[in-house]
Amino acid sequence: MIQAVKPIYNNRIPNKEYVTATIIHEIIHGYFKIEYGLASSDPWDHGEMAGNDYFNKMKYALKEVFPNLSETDAQALVWIGLQDTDKYKDKPLSEKNAIEYIAMNYRVGLSGTKCN
């Protein structure tokens, strides 16, 4: 299953944590579509995900799969899929830079668990 959704970035394969965060994110989109009948392109989806309830559920799901994943890294992997939200945009630039740096390291395979 991971092979089917594994994005490649500059010929580098993301690590399992990044791929898993993406899958969790897409599952929440699917849930919203079934529960509320909304298309995944509806901005409401990401706004809801950025709220404490869904954000924490996604973060804890990641940490359940990867118990050694730090709180900071788990948050960054959730936030990177929510960059279009007001809650993300309102963060200080230094915090956004840190989130993007952490997530990019997972995306290009420099951090985390390598995919086979």
Protein backbone atom coordinates (compact mmCIF):
# COMPACT_ATOMS: atom_id res chain seq x y z
CA MET A 1 0.00 0.00 0.00
CA ILE A 2 2.77 2.46 0.82
CA GLN A 3 4.33 1.83 -2.59
CA ALA A 4 1.11 3.02 -4.25
CA VAL A 5 1.12 6.40 -2.52
CA LYS A 6 4.85 7.01 -2.14
CA PRO A 7 5.63 10.43 -3.62
CA ILE A 8 9.14 11.03 -4.90
CA TYR A 9 10.77 14.40 -4.37
CA ASN A 10 13.85 15.26 -6.43
CA ASN A 11 14.52 11.55 -6.96
CA ARG A 12 14.47 10.96 -3.18
CA ILE A 13 11.95 8.69 -1.53
CA PRO A 14 10.26 10.02 1.62
CA ASN A 15 10.64 8.08 4.82
CA LYS A 16 7.85 6.05 6.42
CA GLU A 17 6.88 8.79 8.86
CA TYR A 18 6.20 11.27 6.05
CA VAL A 19 4.26 8.73 4.01
CA THR A 20 2.24 7.69 7.07
CA ALA A 21 1.41 11.33 7.90
CA THR A 22 0.18 11.74 4.31
CA ILE A 23 -1.98 8.62 4.56
CA ILE A 24 -3.49 9.76 7.88
CA HIS A 25 -4.21 13.17 6.35
CA GLU A 26 -5.97 11.57 3.37
CA ILE A 27 -7.98 9.24 5.63
CA ILE A 28 -9.33 12.31 7.46
CA HIS A 29 -10.33 13.80 4.08
CA GLY A 30 -12.17 10.55 3.34
CA TYR A 31 -13.90 10.65 6.70
CA PHE A 32 -15.07 14.22 6.09
CA LYS A 33 -16.36 13.26 2.64
CA ILE A 34 -18.39 10.38 4.06
CA GLU A 35 -19.53 12.21 7.20
CA TYR A 36 -20.26 15.64 5.71
CA GLY A 37 -20.38 15.07 1.94
CA LEU A 38 -17.57 17.55 1.27
CA ALA A 39 -15.04 17.33 -1.54
CA SER A 40 -11.45 17.04 -0.32
CA SER A 41 -10.72 20.37 -2.01
CA ASP A 42 -13.10 22.15 0.38
CA PRO A 43 -11.01 24.52 2.53
CA TRP A 44 -13.18 23.57 5.53
CA ASP A 45 -11.37 20.19 5.65
CA HIS A 46 -7.97 21.65 6.36
CA GLY A 47 -9.41 24.19 8.77
CA GLU A 48 -10.95 21.35 10.78
CA MET A 49 -7.73 19.35 10.66
CA ALA A 50 -5.80 22.35 11.98
CA GLY A 51 -8.13 22.55 14.98
CA ASN A 52 -6.94 20.93 18.20
CA ASP A 53 -9.23 17.88 18.01
CA TYR A 54 -8.22 16.51 14.59
CA PHE A 55 -4.68 17.88 14.75
CA ASN A 56 -4.05 15.99 17.99
CA LYS A 57 -5.69 12.82 16.64
CA MET A 58 -3.39 12.88 13.62
CA LYS A 59 -0.34 13.60 15.78
CA TYR A 60 -1.16 10.83 18.26
CA ALA A 61 -1.84 8.37 15.42
CA LEU A 62 1.64 9.10 14.04
CA LYS A 63 3.19 8.67 17.47
CA GLU A 64 1.34 5.40 17.94
CA VAL A 65 2.83 4.01 14.74
CA PHE A 66 6.26 5.54 15.49
CA PRO A 67 6.62 5.66 19.30
CA ASN A 68 10.11 7.18 19.12
CA LEU A 69 8.95 10.08 16.95
CA SER A 70 9.44 13.33 18.86
CA GLU A 71 6.52 15.60 19.62
CA THR A 72 8.12 18.35 17.52
CA ASP A 73 8.62 16.08 14.50
CA ALA A 74 5.10 14.63 14.78
CA GLN A 75 3.62 18.14 14.86
CA ALA A 76 5.73 19.22 11.88
CA LEU A 77 4.58 16.21 9.84
CA VAL A 78 0.96 17.09 10.57
CA TRP A 79 1.40 20.83 9.96
CA ILE A 80 3.13 20.39 6.61
CA GLY A 81 -0.14 19.20 5.09
CA LEU A 82 -2.02 22.17 6.53
CA GLN A 83 0.04 25.07 5.22
CA ASP A 84 -2.97 26.63 3.51
CA THR A 85 -4.83 27.16 6.80
CA ASP A 86 -5.09 30.47 8.65
CA LYS A 87 -3.83 28.77 11.80
CA TYR A 88 -0.60 27.82 10.02
CA LYS A 89 -0.25 31.14 8.21
CA ASP A 90 -0.59 32.98 11.54
CA LYS A 91 2.42 31.18 13.02
CA PRO A 92 5.64 33.19 13.36
CA LEU A 93 7.99 32.81 10.40
CA SER A 94 10.63 31.12 12.55
CA GLU A 95 8.15 28.43 13.59
CA LYS A 96 7.01 27.86 10.00
CA ASN A 97 10.64 27.61 8.89
CA ALA A 98 11.32 25.01 11.59
CA ILE A 99 8.23 22.99 10.60
CA GLU A 100 9.18 23.07 6.93
CA TYR A 101 12.81 22.13 7.67
CA ILE A 102 11.79 19.12 9.77
CA ALA A 103 9.16 17.95 7.28
CA MET A 104 11.50 18.37 4.32
CA ASN A 105 14.11 16.17 6.01
CA TYR A 106 11.50 13.41 6.27
CA ARG A 107 10.26 14.09 2.75
CA VAL A 108 13.70 13.68 1.18
CA GLY A 109 14.68 10.75 3.38
CA LEU A 110 17.25 12.46 5.60
CA SER A 111 15.27 11.82 8.80
CA GLY A 112 13.16 8.91 9.94
CA THR A 113 12.69 5.29 8.86
CA LYS A 114 13.70 4.46 5.32
CA CYS A 115 11.15 2.91 2.97
CA ASN A 116 12.31 -0.26 1.23
